[in-house]
Amino acid sequence: MRFQLPDELIFLKNRRMPQKRSTATMAGKVVVITGATSGVGYQAVLQLAKGKAHIVMINRNAEKSAKLQQQLQDDYGVQVDVVLADLSDLQEVRSAADSILMSFPKIDVLINCAGMHSTRATYTREEFETVFCVNHLSSFLLTHLLLPRLQESAPARILQVNSEGHRFNGLNLDDLHWKKRVYTGLRGYGASKTAQLLTLWEINDELRCSGVSINAMHPGDVKTNIGSNNGWLYRFFSRYFIGLMLGDPRVSGESIYYLVADPAMRDVSGKFFHLTVEEKPAKHALDRGKSKAVYAISKELTGLM
């Protein structure tokens, strides 16, 4: 009998699987993307520009954004707009959404790509644990604020750039902001990605028959700048040990492009992908009782109810 990996470990196989690519054009499509100045987000906008999409980047760094905007316009002849926002501040997320809604009468794709990892707990101005805010609350809020425009523009797509890191879990509904427990980077990151996945199932239910799809994906084990905000020891270990085992980030951009552009994905929704291979998330991320609770808490924390 041929050995098969259990569902919880199937990602070890999927990371080596051939990945799908798309040659579909995105000419005339408006794509909003967060976190585009480095890593996975940078690779994604390169592919989007090649596909002739009109790109709207939500970034924190003005200098890097202007440089990237010029690069994409010069190299690919596409329209690129920049909206500045720090995603650890939900008021700036609201302001960014307002600016986009005023400027763009249609949105065809939303890619929530920005993310961070921290080895210690830090807190935002609103007293949210920062990783949880950036990785989950900000994307949750931005998605809901732009949702009416996406529905008006249907068919439209939402992609949450999630992570196999959701398997680390750490999500405790009674201590979302790590005030009662010892914080660890892996579990803090896992909690944020678990929360994002759990709320995806609820959003998908709400979007049925709307013409808007929502999916999540792990962007591959590739070299990025995530975690560069941490201390020298983490950065040293990441560069000279972990980094040696990571792949080319271009596969992430190509996979994101496939998921948001290819006609084969038009009616696919409520799924989790390892790059372009559909995969079953961890059991704790499929708990629909918990997903409803996290969804309600997230709406309350972001001021949506």
Protein backbone atom coordinates (compact mmCIF):
# COMPACT_ATOMS: atom_id res chain seq x y z
CA MET A 1 0.00 0.00 0.00
CA ARG A 2 1.33 3.42 -0.97
CA PHE A 3 2.00 5.72 1.99
CA GLN A 4 -0.09 8.90 2.10
CA LEU A 5 0.57 11.91 4.28
CA PRO A 6 -2.23 12.88 6.68
CA ASP A 7 -4.17 16.07 5.89
CA GLU A 8 -2.20 18.04 8.47
CA LEU A 9 1.08 17.31 6.67
CA ILE A 10 -0.05 17.37 3.04
CA PHE A 11 1.54 20.80 2.63
CA LEU A 12 4.92 19.03 2.64
CA LYS A 13 3.89 17.35 -0.60
CA ASN A 14 2.08 20.36 -2.09
CA ARG A 15 5.13 22.60 -1.81
CA ARG A 16 6.87 20.35 -4.37
CA MET A 17 3.91 20.05 -6.76
CA PRO A 18 3.96 21.73 -10.21
CA GLN A 19 2.13 25.05 -9.95
CA LYS A 20 -0.36 26.53 -12.38
CA ARG A 21 0.29 29.72 -14.31
CA SER A 22 -2.01 31.97 -16.25
CA THR A 23 -1.59 33.90 -19.47
CA ALA A 24 -4.95 35.64 -19.06
CA THR A 25 -4.91 39.40 -19.50
CA MET A 26 -5.99 41.79 -16.76
CA ALA A 27 -6.21 44.79 -19.05
CA GLY A 28 -9.00 47.07 -17.86
CA LYS A 29 -9.07 45.47 -14.39
CA VAL A 30 -8.53 47.53 -11.25
CA VAL A 31 -6.57 45.61 -8.62
CA VAL A 32 -6.16 46.88 -5.05
CA ILE A 33 -3.23 45.28 -3.21
CA THR A 34 -1.65 45.86 0.19
CA GLY A 35 2.02 45.45 1.08
CA ALA A 36 3.45 45.68 -2.43
CA THR A 37 6.90 47.20 -1.85
CA SER A 38 8.72 43.97 -0.95
CA GLY A 39 8.55 40.19 -0.80
CA VAL A 40 5.44 38.42 -2.00
CA GLY A 41 3.56 41.66 -2.65
CA TYR A 42 6.35 42.96 -4.87
CA GLN A 43 6.35 39.76 -6.92
CA ALA A 44 2.57 40.00 -7.23
CA VAL A 45 2.58 43.54 -8.62
CA LEU A 46 5.26 42.57 -11.15
CA GLN A 47 2.95 39.87 -12.49
CA LEU A 48 -0.08 42.17 -12.35
CA ALA A 49 1.81 44.81 -14.32
CA LYS A 50 2.86 42.21 -16.90
CA GLY A 51 -0.81 41.32 -17.19
CA LYS A 52 -1.65 45.01 -17.81
CA ALA A 53 -3.76 45.50 -14.69
CA HIS A 54 -4.45 48.96 -13.29
CA ILE A 55 -2.76 48.62 -9.89
CA VAL A 56 -3.74 50.48 -6.72
CA MET A 57 -1.12 49.90 -4.01
CA ILE A 58 -1.77 50.46 -0.32
CA ASN A 59 1.67 50.80 1.26
CA ARG A 60 3.22 52.34 4.34
CA ASN A 61 6.49 53.69 2.91
CA ALA A 62 6.08 56.72 0.63
CA GLU A 63 9.61 56.65 -0.82
CA LYS A 64 9.55 52.95 -1.70
CA SER A 65 6.04 53.29 -3.12
CA ALA A 66 7.00 56.16 -5.42
CA LYS A 67 10.05 54.25 -6.68
CA LEU A 68 7.99 51.12 -7.36
CA GLN A 69 5.22 53.12 -9.00
CA GLN A 70 7.74 54.66 -11.42
CA GLN A 71 9.35 51.27 -12.10
CA LEU A 72 6.05 49.59 -12.99
CA GLN A 73 4.88 52.46 -15.17
CA ASP A 74 8.22 52.69 -17.02
CA ASP A 75 8.72 48.96 -17.50
CA TYR A 76 5.16 47.89 -18.28
CA GLY A 77 3.26 51.02 -19.33
CA VAL A 78 0.45 50.46 -16.83
CA GLN A 79 -1.40 52.84 -14.55
CA VAL A 80 -0.28 52.59 -10.94
CA ASP A 81 -1.76 54.56 -8.05
CA VAL A 82 -0.51 54.74 -4.47
CA VAL A 83 -2.50 55.12 -1.27
CA LEU A 84 -0.41 55.48 1.88
CA ALA A 85 -1.54 53.77 5.07
CA ASP A 86 -0.02 52.11 8.11
CA LEU A 87 -2.08 48.93 8.53
CA SER A 88 -1.38 48.84 12.25
CA ASP A 89 -3.68 51.88 12.55
CA LEU A 90 -7.29 51.06 11.71
CA GLN A 91 -8.11 54.73 11.25
CA GLU A 92 -5.57 54.86 8.45
CA VAL A 93 -7.17 51.74 6.95
CA ARG A 94 -10.52 53.57 6.96
CA SER A 95 -8.95 56.63 5.36
CA ALA A 96 -7.33 54.49 2.67
CA ALA A 97 -10.65 52.81 1.90
CA ASP A 98 -12.40 56.19 1.69
CA SER A 99 -9.74 57.46 -0.73
CA ILE A 100 -10.09 54.39 -2.94
CA LEU A 101 -13.88 54.54 -2.97
CA MET A 102 -13.78 58.21 -3.97
CA SER A 103 -11.22 57.66 -6.72
CA PHE A 104 -12.20 54.36 -8.34
CA PRO A 105 -15.73 53.64 -9.55
CA LYS A 106 -14.93 49.94 -9.85
CA ILE A 107 -12.69 47.40 -8.13
CA ASP A 108 -12.20 44.04 -9.82
CA VAL A 109 -9.75 42.43 -7.40
CA LEU A 110 -8.66 42.96 -3.80
CA ILE A 111 -5.46 41.25 -2.63
CA ASN A 112 -4.75 41.46 1.10
CA CYS A 113 -1.03 40.73 1.00
CA ALA A 114 0.56 42.81 3.78
CA GLY A 115 1.77 40.83 6.77
CA MET A 116 4.27 40.78 9.59
CA HIS A 117 5.91 38.49 12.14
CA SER A 118 7.23 39.57 15.53
CA THR A 119 9.23 37.68 18.12
CA ARG A 120 7.68 39.74 20.94
CA ALA A 121 4.32 41.27 21.66
CA THR A 122 3.90 44.92 20.72
CA TYR A 123 0.74 46.99 20.74
CA THR A 124 -0.91 49.47 18.41
CA ARG A 125 -2.31 52.89 19.24
CA GLU A 126 -5.68 51.20 19.73
CA GLU A 127 -4.10 48.59 22.06
CA PHE A 128 -4.39 45.67 19.64
CA GLU A 129 -1.54 43.16 19.50
CA THR A 130 0.28 44.41 16.39
CA VAL A 131 0.64 41.15 14.44
CA PHE A 132 -3.05 40.34 14.99
CA CYS A 133 -3.99 43.84 13.84
CA VAL A 134 -1.83 43.93 10.71
CA ASN A 135 -2.39 40.33 9.61
CA HIS A 136 -6.08 40.04 10.43
CA LEU A 137 -8.00 43.09 11.64
CA SER A 138 -6.73 45.46 8.95
CA SER A 139 -7.51 43.06 6.09
CA PHE A 140 -10.89 42.24 7.66
CA LEU A 141 -11.78 45.93 7.89
CA LEU A 142 -10.48 46.84 4.43
CA THR A 143 -12.36 43.94 2.84
CA HIS A 144 -15.66 44.99 4.42
CA LEU A 145 -15.22 48.66 3.55
CA LEU A 146 -14.50 47.86 -0.12
CA LEU A 147 -17.04 45.05 -0.38
CA PRO A 148 -19.95 47.13 -1.73
CA ARG A 149 -17.76 48.42 -4.57
CA LEU A 150 -16.53 44.91 -5.33
CA GLN A 151 -20.13 43.70 -5.47
CA GLU A 152 -21.05 46.55 -7.80
CA SER A 153 -18.11 45.53 -10.02
CA ALA A 154 -18.92 41.80 -10.07
CA PRO A 155 -17.57 39.45 -11.19
CA ALA A 156 -14.82 40.32 -8.70
CA ARG A 157 -12.32 38.43 -6.59
CA ILE A 158 -10.79 38.73 -3.11
CA LEU A 159 -7.59 36.93 -2.21
CA GLN A 160 -6.29 36.66 1.34
CA VAL A 161 -2.56 35.91 1.35
CA ASN A 162 -2.59 33.63 4.38
CA SER A 163 0.01 31.08 5.51
CA GLU A 164 0.70 27.52 6.51
CA GLY A 165 1.64 29.33 9.72
CA HIS A 166 -2.04 29.11 10.65
CA ARG A 167 -1.19 25.56 11.73
CA PHE A 168 0.75 27.01 14.70
CA ASN A 169 -2.64 28.17 16.07
CA GLY A 170 -2.39 30.24 19.27
CA LEU A 171 -5.87 31.72 18.82
CA ASN A 172 -7.51 32.18 22.22
CA LEU A 173 -10.78 34.09 22.08
CA ASP A 174 -10.39 35.12 25.71
CA ASP A 175 -6.90 36.54 25.12
CA LEU A 176 -6.66 37.72 21.52
CA HIS A 177 -4.10 40.38 22.41
CA TRP A 178 -1.79 38.25 24.57
CA LYS A 179 -2.28 40.11 27.85
CA LYS A 180 -2.67 36.90 29.91
CA ARG A 181 -0.17 34.55 28.21
CA VAL A 182 3.48 34.44 27.30
CA TYR A 183 3.79 35.57 23.68
CA THR A 184 5.76 33.55 21.14
CA GLY A 185 6.30 34.65 17.56
CA LEU A 186 5.06 31.44 15.95
CA ARG A 187 1.87 31.25 17.98
CA GLY A 188 1.17 34.97 17.64
CA TYR A 189 1.57 34.69 13.88
CA GLY A 190 -0.50 31.50 13.82
CA ALA A 191 -3.31 33.16 15.76
CA SER A 192 -3.54 36.02 13.27
CA LYS A 193 -3.61 33.70 10.26
CA THR A 194 -6.12 31.36 11.92
CA ALA A 195 -8.44 34.30 12.59
CA GLN A 196 -8.18 35.41 8.97
CA LEU A 197 -9.07 31.93 7.72
CA LEU A 198 -11.97 31.49 10.14
CA THR A 199 -13.58 34.76 9.06
CA LEU A 200 -13.09 33.87 5.40
CA TRP A 201 -15.69 31.08 5.68
CA GLU A 202 -18.24 33.55 7.06
CA ILE A 203 -17.53 36.16 4.39
CA ASN A 204 -17.80 33.47 1.72
CA ASP A 205 -21.25 32.52 2.98
CA GLU A 206 -22.35 36.16 2.80
CA LEU A 207 -21.05 36.50 -0.76
CA ARG A 208 -22.94 33.54 -2.22
CA CYS A 209 -24.67 34.50 -5.49
CA SER A 210 -23.07 37.98 -5.38
CA GLY A 211 -20.54 37.37 -8.14
CA VAL A 212 -17.67 38.05 -5.71
CA SER A 213 -15.37 35.19 -4.74
CA ILE A 214 -13.00 35.00 -1.78
CA ASN A 215 -10.11 32.57 -1.35
CA ALA A 216 -6.96 32.25 0.72
CA MET A 217 -3.52 30.99 -0.19
CA HIS A 218 -0.13 30.16 1.29
CA PRO A 219 2.37 31.98 -0.94
CA GLY A 220 5.05 29.32 -0.72
CA ASP A 221 8.18 28.92 1.37
CA VAL A 222 10.06 31.74 -0.30
CA LYS A 223 12.54 34.46 0.58
CA THR A 224 10.82 37.63 1.81
CA ASN A 225 11.49 40.47 4.25
CA ILE A 226 8.88 39.33 6.75
CA GLY A 227 10.30 39.49 10.24
CA SER A 228 12.88 42.15 9.33
CA ASN A 229 11.43 44.30 12.11
CA ASN A 230 12.85 41.85 14.67
CA GLY A 231 16.24 41.91 16.41
CA TRP A 232 19.66 41.11 14.95
CA LEU A 233 19.67 37.50 16.17
CA TYR A 234 16.38 36.69 14.40
CA ARG A 235 17.57 38.45 11.23
CA PHE A 236 20.91 36.61 11.29
CA PHE A 237 19.24 33.21 11.78
CA SER A 238 16.64 33.98 9.10
CA ARG A 239 19.24 35.07 6.54
CA TYR A 240 21.92 32.45 7.04
CA PHE A 241 19.91 29.40 8.08
CA ILE A 242 16.19 29.62 7.20
CA GLY A 243 16.86 31.62 4.04
CA LEU A 244 19.03 28.89 2.58
CA MET A 245 16.03 26.53 2.50
CA LEU A 246 13.62 28.98 0.88
CA GLY A 247 12.70 29.21 -2.78
CA ASP A 248 12.41 31.91 -5.43
CA PRO A 249 9.62 34.37 -4.53
CA ARG A 250 8.64 34.67 -8.20
CA VAL A 251 6.54 31.52 -7.80
CA SER A 252 4.43 33.43 -5.26
CA GLY A 253 3.69 36.23 -7.72
CA GLU A 254 2.85 33.79 -10.49
CA SER A 255 0.53 31.84 -8.20
CA ILE A 256 -1.26 34.95 -6.95
CA TYR A 257 -1.75 36.03 -10.55
CA TYR A 258 -3.26 32.67 -11.45
CA LEU A 259 -5.72 32.82 -8.55
CA VAL A 260 -6.94 36.35 -9.33
CA ALA A 261 -6.74 36.33 -13.13
CA ASP A 262 -7.32 32.90 -14.62
CA PRO A 263 -10.80 32.12 -15.98
CA ALA A 264 -10.65 28.69 -14.30
CA MET A 265 -10.84 30.46 -10.92
CA ARG A 266 -13.83 32.65 -11.72
CA ASP A 267 -16.43 30.60 -9.81
CA VAL A 268 -14.10 29.12 -7.18
CA SER A 269 -14.69 30.51 -3.70
CA GLY A 270 -14.21 29.61 -0.04
CA LYS A 271 -11.03 27.62 -0.68
CA PHE A 272 -7.49 27.51 0.72
CA PHE A 273 -4.56 26.96 -1.64
CA HIS A 274 -0.91 26.12 -1.16
CA LEU A 275 0.30 28.29 -4.02
CA THR A 276 -2.17 26.98 -6.67
CA VAL A 277 -2.85 23.54 -5.14
CA GLU A 278 -6.12 23.33 -3.22
CA GLU A 279 -5.50 22.15 0.31
CA LYS A 280 -7.39 21.38 3.50
CA PRO A 281 -6.54 23.82 6.31
CA ALA A 282 -5.82 22.70 9.87
CA LYS A 283 -8.81 21.33 11.77
CA HIS A 284 -8.94 24.26 14.20
CA ALA A 285 -9.24 26.67 11.25
CA LEU A 286 -12.38 24.85 10.01
CA ASP A 287 -14.38 25.13 13.25
CA ARG A 288 -17.56 26.89 12.11
CA GLY A 289 -18.69 27.58 15.65
CA LYS A 290 -15.43 29.37 16.32
CA SER A 291 -15.55 31.11 12.94
CA LYS A 292 -18.85 32.76 13.83
CA ALA A 293 -17.43 33.90 17.16
CA VAL A 294 -14.25 35.31 15.60
CA TYR A 295 -16.29 37.02 12.89
CA ALA A 296 -18.51 38.75 15.45
CA ILE A 297 -15.53 39.79 17.59
CA SER A 298 -13.67 41.09 14.52
CA LYS A 299 -16.65 43.23 13.51
CA GLU A 300 -16.80 44.66 17.00
CA LEU A 301 -13.07 45.36 17.22
CA THR A 302 -13.02 47.10 13.81
CA GLY A 303 -16.12 49.20 14.55
CA LEU A 304 -18.26 47.52 11.91
CA MET A 305 -21.14 46.83 14.31
